[in-house]
Amino acid sequence: MSLVILCVGNLIINGFIAWTVIFLPLVMLPLILLSLGLSLILSSLGVFFRDIQHILVVLVQGLMFLSPIFYPISIIPEALRPIYYINPIGYVVEDMRNIFIWGNIPNWTWCIFGTIIGSAVFLLGYAWFKKTKGAFADVL
């Protein structure tokens, strides 16, 4: 819904929607794969360790404030930028900003590298979930 509002706002302000919007699925793919993999791992761990849900709330909130969502990464001091480049959400946010607002093409290096990392995390999460799902009934 927010993307529709962003496109309408961009159309009203700029008078057009950038053609680079077609890259949206490619930019989102690393984040989707990473999210799926981490959710599979954390959901299976949540069955065994109930306190994970409380820890995750704090971690996700901290990750949001450490991501360049409300500010561009260019305002971060040069000495602290390597810390921000560890965060995979930062790349996706910057690429989304580039394709929607500025009309630039995404960073292909990150798209490829992020998709590889996201795929690896997804496969690990899927394997972990399949391995642990047999014990869910015993614990619950």
N, C-alpha and C. Protein backbone atom coordinates (compact mmCIF):
# COMPACT_ATOMS: atom_id res chain seq x y z
N MET A 1 0.82 -1.18 0.00
CA MET A 1 0.00 0.00 0.00
C MET A 1 0.87 1.25 0.00
N SER A 2 1.93 1.21 0.76
CA SER A 2 2.82 2.36 0.82
C SER A 2 3.48 2.62 -0.53
N LEU A 3 3.79 1.57 -1.27
CA LEU A 3 4.40 1.76 -2.59
C LEU A 3 3.43 2.43 -3.56
N VAL A 4 2.15 2.11 -3.44
CA VAL A 4 1.14 2.75 -4.28
C VAL A 4 1.07 4.24 -3.95
N ILE A 5 1.08 4.56 -2.66
CA ILE A 5 1.06 5.96 -2.23
C ILE A 5 2.32 6.67 -2.71
N LEU A 6 3.47 6.01 -2.62
CA LEU A 6 4.72 6.60 -3.09
C LEU A 6 4.66 6.87 -4.60
N CYS A 7 4.14 5.92 -5.36
CA CYS A 7 4.03 6.11 -6.82
C CYS A 7 3.08 7.26 -7.16
N VAL A 8 1.95 7.34 -6.47
CA VAL A 8 1.01 8.43 -6.72
C VAL A 8 1.63 9.77 -6.34
N GLY A 9 2.30 9.82 -5.19
CA GLY A 9 2.97 11.05 -4.78
C GLY A 9 4.07 11.46 -5.75
N ASN A 10 4.82 10.49 -6.23
CA ASN A 10 5.87 10.76 -7.21
C ASN A 10 5.27 11.25 -8.52
N LEU A 11 4.14 10.69 -8.90
CA LEU A 11 3.45 11.12 -10.11
C LEU A 11 2.93 12.55 -9.97
N ILE A 12 2.42 12.89 -8.82
CA ILE A 12 1.91 14.24 -8.59
C ILE A 12 3.05 15.26 -8.54
N ILE A 13 4.12 14.93 -7.83
CA ILE A 13 5.22 15.89 -7.67
C ILE A 13 6.07 16.00 -8.93
N ASN A 14 6.48 14.88 -9.48
CA ASN A 14 7.38 14.91 -10.63
C ASN A 14 6.66 14.85 -11.97
N GLY A 15 5.44 14.40 -11.98
CA GLY A 15 4.69 14.29 -13.22
C GLY A 15 4.90 12.98 -13.95
N PHE A 16 5.70 12.09 -13.42
CA PHE A 16 5.93 10.80 -14.04
C PHE A 16 6.41 9.81 -12.99
N ILE A 17 6.31 8.54 -13.34
CA ILE A 17 6.87 7.46 -12.52
C ILE A 17 8.07 6.93 -13.28
N ALA A 18 9.20 6.84 -12.62
CA ALA A 18 10.44 6.41 -13.29
C ALA A 18 10.29 4.99 -13.83
N TRP A 19 10.88 4.76 -14.97
CA TRP A 19 10.82 3.42 -15.60
C TRP A 19 11.58 2.39 -14.78
N THR A 20 12.46 2.84 -13.89
CA THR A 20 13.27 1.91 -13.10
C THR A 20 12.45 1.18 -12.04
N VAL A 21 11.17 1.52 -11.91
CA VAL A 21 10.29 0.83 -10.96
C VAL A 21 10.17 -0.65 -11.32
N ILE A 22 10.45 -1.00 -12.57
CA ILE A 22 10.37 -2.41 -12.98
C ILE A 22 11.39 -3.28 -12.27
N PHE A 23 12.41 -2.66 -11.66
CA PHE A 23 13.43 -3.41 -10.94
C PHE A 23 13.03 -3.74 -9.50
N LEU A 24 11.82 -3.38 -9.11
CA LEU A 24 11.37 -3.62 -7.74
C LEU A 24 11.51 -5.08 -7.30
N PRO A 25 11.07 -6.06 -8.08
CA PRO A 25 11.22 -7.45 -7.62
C PRO A 25 12.68 -7.86 -7.43
N LEU A 26 13.56 -7.38 -8.29
CA LEU A 26 14.97 -7.74 -8.16
C LEU A 26 15.61 -7.12 -6.92
N VAL A 27 15.18 -5.92 -6.58
CA VAL A 27 15.72 -5.25 -5.40
C VAL A 27 15.18 -5.90 -4.12
N MET A 28 13.94 -6.34 -4.16
CA MET A 28 13.32 -6.94 -2.98
C MET A 28 13.69 -8.40 -2.75
N LEU A 29 14.15 -9.10 -3.78
CA LEU A 29 14.45 -10.52 -3.69
C LEU A 29 15.44 -10.87 -2.57
N PRO A 30 16.58 -10.17 -2.42
CA PRO A 30 17.49 -10.53 -1.32
C PRO A 30 16.84 -10.40 0.05
N LEU A 31 16.05 -9.35 0.24
CA LEU A 31 15.40 -9.14 1.53
C LEU A 31 14.32 -10.19 1.80
N ILE A 32 13.60 -10.57 0.77
CA ILE A 32 12.56 -11.60 0.93
C ILE A 32 13.19 -12.94 1.30
N LEU A 33 14.24 -13.32 0.60
CA LEU A 33 14.90 -14.60 0.90
C LEU A 33 15.52 -14.59 2.29
N LEU A 34 16.17 -13.49 2.66
CA LEU A 34 16.77 -13.38 3.98
C LEU A 34 15.70 -13.43 5.07
N SER A 35 14.60 -12.74 4.85
CA SER A 35 13.51 -12.73 5.83
C SER A 35 12.89 -14.11 6.00
N LEU A 36 12.68 -14.80 4.89
CA LEU A 36 12.12 -16.16 4.97
C LEU A 36 13.05 -17.10 5.73
N GLY A 37 14.32 -17.05 5.41
CA GLY A 37 15.28 -17.92 6.08
C GLY A 37 15.38 -17.64 7.57
N LEU A 38 15.48 -16.36 7.92
CA LEU A 38 15.56 -16.01 9.34
C LEU A 38 14.27 -16.33 10.08
N SER A 39 13.13 -16.15 9.43
CA SER A 39 11.87 -16.46 10.10
C SER A 39 11.72 -17.97 10.33
N LEU A 40 12.21 -18.79 9.41
CA LEU A 40 12.17 -20.23 9.63
C LEU A 40 13.06 -20.65 10.80
N ILE A 41 14.25 -20.07 10.86
CA ILE A 41 15.16 -20.39 11.97
C ILE A 41 14.59 -19.91 13.29
N LEU A 42 14.16 -18.66 13.33
CA LEU A 42 13.70 -18.08 14.59
C LEU A 42 12.37 -18.67 15.05
N SER A 43 11.51 -19.04 14.11
CA SER A 43 10.25 -19.66 14.52
C SER A 43 10.47 -21.03 15.14
N SER A 44 11.41 -21.79 14.59
CA SER A 44 11.68 -23.10 15.20
C SER A 44 12.40 -22.94 16.54
N LEU A 45 13.27 -21.95 16.64
CA LEU A 45 13.91 -21.71 17.94
C LEU A 45 12.92 -21.18 18.97
N GLY A 46 11.91 -20.45 18.51
CA GLY A 46 10.90 -19.92 19.42
C GLY A 46 10.07 -20.99 20.08
N VAL A 47 9.98 -22.15 19.46
CA VAL A 47 9.26 -23.26 20.08
C VAL A 47 10.03 -23.77 21.29
N PHE A 48 11.33 -23.81 21.17
CA PHE A 48 12.16 -24.36 22.25
C PHE A 48 12.52 -23.31 23.31
N PHE A 49 12.72 -22.07 22.88
CA PHE A 49 13.09 -20.98 23.78
C PHE A 49 12.04 -19.87 23.66
N ARG A 50 11.13 -19.82 24.58
CA ARG A 50 9.98 -18.91 24.50
C ARG A 50 10.38 -17.43 24.60
N ASP A 51 11.50 -17.12 25.20
CA ASP A 51 11.89 -15.72 25.39
C ASP A 51 12.45 -15.07 24.14
N ILE A 52 12.61 -15.82 23.08
CA ILE A 52 13.16 -15.25 21.84
C ILE A 52 12.24 -14.16 21.31
N GLN A 53 10.94 -14.31 21.46
CA GLN A 53 10.03 -13.31 20.93
C GLN A 53 10.24 -11.95 21.58
N HIS A 54 10.58 -11.91 22.84
CA HIS A 54 10.81 -10.64 23.53
C HIS A 54 12.13 -10.00 23.10
N ILE A 55 13.11 -10.82 22.87
CA ILE A 55 14.41 -10.32 22.41
C ILE A 55 14.31 -9.79 20.98
N LEU A 56 13.54 -10.48 20.16
CA LEU A 56 13.40 -10.08 18.76
C LEU A 56 12.74 -8.73 18.60
N VAL A 57 11.80 -8.40 19.47
CA VAL A 57 11.13 -7.10 19.39
C VAL A 57 12.17 -5.99 19.53
N VAL A 58 13.06 -6.12 20.48
CA VAL A 58 14.10 -5.11 20.69
C VAL A 58 15.08 -5.09 19.54
N LEU A 59 15.49 -6.26 19.05
CA LEU A 59 16.44 -6.32 17.94
C LEU A 59 15.88 -5.74 16.65
N VAL A 60 14.63 -6.03 16.35
CA VAL A 60 14.03 -5.51 15.12
C VAL A 60 13.88 -3.99 15.20
N GLN A 61 13.51 -3.50 16.36
CA GLN A 61 13.39 -2.05 16.52
C GLN A 61 14.75 -1.37 16.40
N GLY A 62 15.77 -1.97 16.98
CA GLY A 62 17.13 -1.42 16.84
C GLY A 62 17.61 -1.48 15.40
N LEU A 63 17.30 -2.55 14.70
CA LEU A 63 17.69 -2.69 13.30
C LEU A 63 17.00 -1.63 12.43
N MET A 64 15.77 -1.30 12.77
CA MET A 64 15.07 -0.27 12.01
C MET A 64 15.76 1.08 12.17
N PHE A 65 16.16 1.41 13.39
CA PHE A 65 16.80 2.70 13.60
C PHE A 65 18.23 2.73 13.07
N LEU A 66 18.86 1.57 12.93
CA LEU A 66 20.19 1.51 12.35
C LEU A 66 20.17 1.41 10.84
N SER A 67 18.99 1.29 10.26
CA SER A 67 18.86 1.25 8.80
C SER A 67 18.59 2.67 8.30
N PRO A 68 19.10 2.98 7.13
CA PRO A 68 18.88 4.33 6.60
C PRO A 68 17.48 4.49 6.00
N ILE A 69 16.47 4.31 6.84
CA ILE A 69 15.09 4.45 6.39
C ILE A 69 14.65 5.91 6.47
N PHE A 70 14.94 6.54 7.58
CA PHE A 70 14.52 7.92 7.81
C PHE A 70 15.56 8.94 7.37
N TYR A 71 16.69 8.48 6.93
CA TYR A 71 17.79 9.37 6.54
C TYR A 71 18.61 8.69 5.46
N PRO A 72 19.26 9.47 4.60
CA PRO A 72 20.15 8.86 3.59
C PRO A 72 21.47 8.43 4.22
N ILE A 73 22.07 7.42 3.65
CA ILE A 73 23.33 6.91 4.19
C ILE A 73 24.46 7.92 4.00
N SER A 74 24.25 8.90 3.12
CA SER A 74 25.29 9.90 2.86
C SER A 74 25.53 10.81 4.05
N ILE A 75 24.60 10.90 5.01
CA ILE A 75 24.83 11.78 6.16
C ILE A 75 25.58 11.07 7.29
N ILE A 76 25.81 9.79 7.13
CA ILE A 76 26.57 9.03 8.13
C ILE A 76 28.05 9.38 7.96
N PRO A 77 28.76 9.65 9.05
CA PRO A 77 30.20 9.93 8.92
C PRO A 77 30.93 8.78 8.24
N GLU A 78 31.92 9.13 7.47
CA GLU A 78 32.67 8.15 6.68
C GLU A 78 33.26 7.03 7.54
N ALA A 79 33.66 7.34 8.76
CA ALA A 79 34.26 6.35 9.64
C ALA A 79 33.24 5.30 10.10
N LEU A 80 31.96 5.65 10.15
CA LEU A 80 30.92 4.74 10.63
C LEU A 80 30.21 4.00 9.51
N ARG A 81 30.45 4.35 8.27
CA ARG A 81 29.74 3.71 7.16
C ARG A 81 29.99 2.22 7.03
N PRO A 82 31.19 1.70 7.31
CA PRO A 82 31.36 0.23 7.23
C PRO A 82 30.41 -0.53 8.14
N ILE A 83 30.03 0.06 9.27
CA ILE A 83 29.07 -0.58 10.16
C ILE A 83 27.70 -0.64 9.48
N TYR A 84 27.34 0.43 8.78
CA TYR A 84 26.06 0.46 8.09
C TYR A 84 26.02 -0.48 6.90
N TYR A 85 27.16 -0.74 6.30
CA TYR A 85 27.19 -1.64 5.16
C TYR A 85 27.06 -3.10 5.56
N ILE A 86 27.15 -3.40 6.85
CA ILE A 86 26.92 -4.76 7.33
C ILE A 86 25.42 -5.08 7.29
N ASN A 87 24.60 -4.06 7.48
CA ASN A 87 23.15 -4.22 7.54
C ASN A 87 22.58 -4.45 6.14
N PRO A 88 22.01 -5.62 5.86
CA PRO A 88 21.48 -5.89 4.51
C PRO A 88 20.26 -5.05 4.16
N ILE A 89 19.54 -4.57 5.16
CA ILE A 89 18.37 -3.74 4.89
C ILE A 89 18.78 -2.40 4.31
N GLY A 90 19.95 -1.91 4.69
CA GLY A 90 20.43 -0.63 4.19
C GLY A 90 20.58 -0.61 2.68
N TYR A 91 21.08 -1.71 2.12
CA TYR A 91 21.24 -1.79 0.67
C TYR A 91 19.88 -1.76 -0.03
N VAL A 92 18.94 -2.48 0.51
CA VAL A 92 17.61 -2.54 -0.10
C VAL A 92 16.94 -1.17 -0.03
N VAL A 93 17.05 -0.50 1.11
CA VAL A 93 16.44 0.82 1.26
C VAL A 93 17.08 1.81 0.29
N GLU A 94 18.38 1.79 0.19
CA GLU A 94 19.06 2.70 -0.74
C GLU A 94 18.69 2.41 -2.18
N ASP A 95 18.61 1.14 -2.55
CA ASP A 95 18.23 0.79 -3.92
C ASP A 95 16.77 1.16 -4.20
N MET A 96 15.89 0.97 -3.22
CA MET A 96 14.50 1.38 -3.40
C MET A 96 14.40 2.88 -3.59
N ARG A 97 15.16 3.61 -2.82
CA ARG A 97 15.18 5.07 -2.96
C ARG A 97 15.71 5.46 -4.34
N ASN A 98 16.73 4.76 -4.80
CA ASN A 98 17.29 5.05 -6.12
C ASN A 98 16.30 4.77 -7.25
N ILE A 99 15.61 3.65 -7.20
CA ILE A 99 14.72 3.32 -8.32
C ILE A 99 13.41 4.09 -8.28
N PHE A 100 12.88 4.38 -7.09
CA PHE A 100 11.60 5.07 -7.02
C PHE A 100 11.71 6.58 -7.10
N ILE A 101 12.62 7.15 -6.34
CA ILE A 101 12.68 8.60 -6.24
C ILE A 101 13.62 9.20 -7.29
N TRP A 102 14.82 8.67 -7.41
CA TRP A 102 15.81 9.27 -8.29
C TRP A 102 15.79 8.69 -9.70
N GLY A 103 15.17 7.55 -9.91
CA GLY A 103 15.09 6.97 -11.25
C GLY A 103 16.38 6.34 -11.72
N ASN A 104 17.25 5.96 -10.79
CA ASN A 104 18.52 5.30 -11.13
C ASN A 104 18.34 3.79 -11.11
N ILE A 105 19.25 3.11 -11.79
CA ILE A 105 19.21 1.65 -11.75
C ILE A 105 19.81 1.17 -10.42
N PRO A 106 19.41 0.00 -9.97
CA PRO A 106 19.91 -0.49 -8.68
C PRO A 106 21.39 -0.90 -8.76
N ASN A 107 21.96 -1.12 -7.60
CA ASN A 107 23.34 -1.59 -7.49
C ASN A 107 23.33 -3.10 -7.80
N TRP A 108 23.77 -3.46 -9.00
CA TRP A 108 23.70 -4.86 -9.43
C TRP A 108 24.61 -5.75 -8.60
N THR A 109 25.73 -5.22 -8.15
CA THR A 109 26.63 -6.02 -7.32
C THR A 109 25.91 -6.48 -6.06
N TRP A 110 25.23 -5.54 -5.40
CA TRP A 110 24.51 -5.92 -4.18
C TRP A 110 23.36 -6.85 -4.51
N CYS A 111 22.64 -6.62 -5.60
CA CYS A 111 21.51 -7.49 -5.94
C CYS A 111 21.96 -8.93 -6.11
N ILE A 112 23.06 -9.13 -6.79
CA ILE A 112 23.57 -10.49 -7.00
C ILE A 112 24.12 -11.08 -5.70
N PHE A 113 24.98 -10.31 -5.03
CA PHE A 113 25.58 -10.77 -3.78
C PHE A 113 24.51 -10.99 -2.71
N GLY A 114 23.55 -10.06 -2.61
CA GLY A 114 22.48 -10.19 -1.63
C GLY A 114 21.57 -11.37 -1.90
N THR A 115 21.33 -11.65 -3.18
CA THR A 115 20.50 -12.81 -3.53
C THR A 115 21.22 -14.11 -3.18
N ILE A 116 22.51 -14.14 -3.37
CA ILE A 116 23.28 -15.34 -2.99
C ILE A 116 23.24 -15.53 -1.48
N ILE A 117 23.46 -14.45 -0.73
CA ILE A 117 23.41 -14.55 0.73
C ILE A 117 22.00 -14.91 1.20
N GLY A 118 20.99 -14.26 0.63
CA GLY A 118 19.61 -14.55 0.99
C GLY A 118 19.22 -15.99 0.68
N SER A 119 19.68 -16.49 -0.46
CA SER A 119 19.39 -17.88 -0.82
C SER A 119 20.05 -18.85 0.15
N ALA A 120 21.29 -18.55 0.54
CA ALA A 120 22.00 -19.41 1.49
C ALA A 120 21.29 -19.42 2.85
N VAL A 121 20.87 -18.24 3.32
CA VAL A 121 20.16 -18.17 4.60
C VAL A 121 18.82 -18.89 4.50
N PHE A 122 18.13 -18.73 3.38
CA PHE A 122 16.85 -19.43 3.20
C PHE A 122 17.04 -20.94 3.21
N LEU A 123 18.05 -21.44 2.49
CA LEU A 123 18.29 -22.89 2.46
C LEU A 123 18.69 -23.42 3.84
N LEU A 124 19.51 -22.66 4.56
CA LEU A 124 19.87 -23.05 5.93
C LEU A 124 18.64 -23.05 6.83
N GLY A 125 17.82 -22.02 6.72
CA GLY A 125 16.60 -21.95 7.52
C GLY A 125 15.64 -23.07 7.22
N TYR A 126 15.50 -23.39 5.95
CA TYR A 126 14.61 -24.48 5.55
C TYR A 126 15.13 -25.82 6.08
N ALA A 127 16.43 -26.04 5.95
CA ALA A 127 17.02 -27.29 6.46
C ALA A 127 16.88 -27.37 7.98
N TRP A 128 17.12 -26.26 8.67
CA TRP A 128 17.00 -26.24 10.13
C TRP A 128 15.56 -26.52 10.55
N PHE A 129 14.61 -25.90 9.87
CA PHE A 129 13.21 -26.10 10.21
C PHE A 129 12.78 -27.55 9.99
N LYS A 130 13.19 -28.12 8.87
CA LYS A 130 12.85 -29.53 8.61
C LYS A 130 13.46 -30.45 9.66
N LYS A 131 14.67 -30.12 10.10
CA LYS A 131 15.35 -30.95 11.09
C LYS A 131 14.67 -30.87 12.45
N THR A 132 14.19 -29.70 12.83
CA THR A 132 13.65 -29.52 14.17
C THR A 132 12.14 -29.70 14.28
N LYS A 133 11.43 -29.75 13.15
CA LYS A 133 9.97 -29.80 13.25
C LYS A 133 9.44 -31.08 13.87
N GLY A 134 10.20 -32.14 13.86
CA GLY A 134 9.77 -33.37 14.50
C GLY A 134 9.66 -33.26 16.00
N ALA A 135 10.38 -32.34 16.60
CA ALA A 135 10.37 -32.20 18.06
C ALA A 135 9.35 -31.16 18.54
N PHE A 136 8.66 -30.49 17.62
CA PHE A 136 7.70 -29.46 18.02
C PHE A 136 6.59 -30.02 18.90
N ALA A 137 6.04 -31.15 18.51
CA ALA A 137 4.92 -31.74 19.26
C ALA A 137 5.35 -32.15 20.65
N ASP A 138 6.59 -32.61 20.79
CA ASP A 138 7.08 -33.03 22.11
C ASP A 138 7.24 -31.84 23.05
N VAL A 139 7.67 -30.71 22.51
CA VAL A 139 7.92 -29.54 23.34
C VAL A 139 6.64 -28.81 23.68
N LEU A 140 5.74 -28.75 22.71
CA LEU A 140 4.48 -28.04 22.96
C LEU A 140 3.58 -28.88 23.81
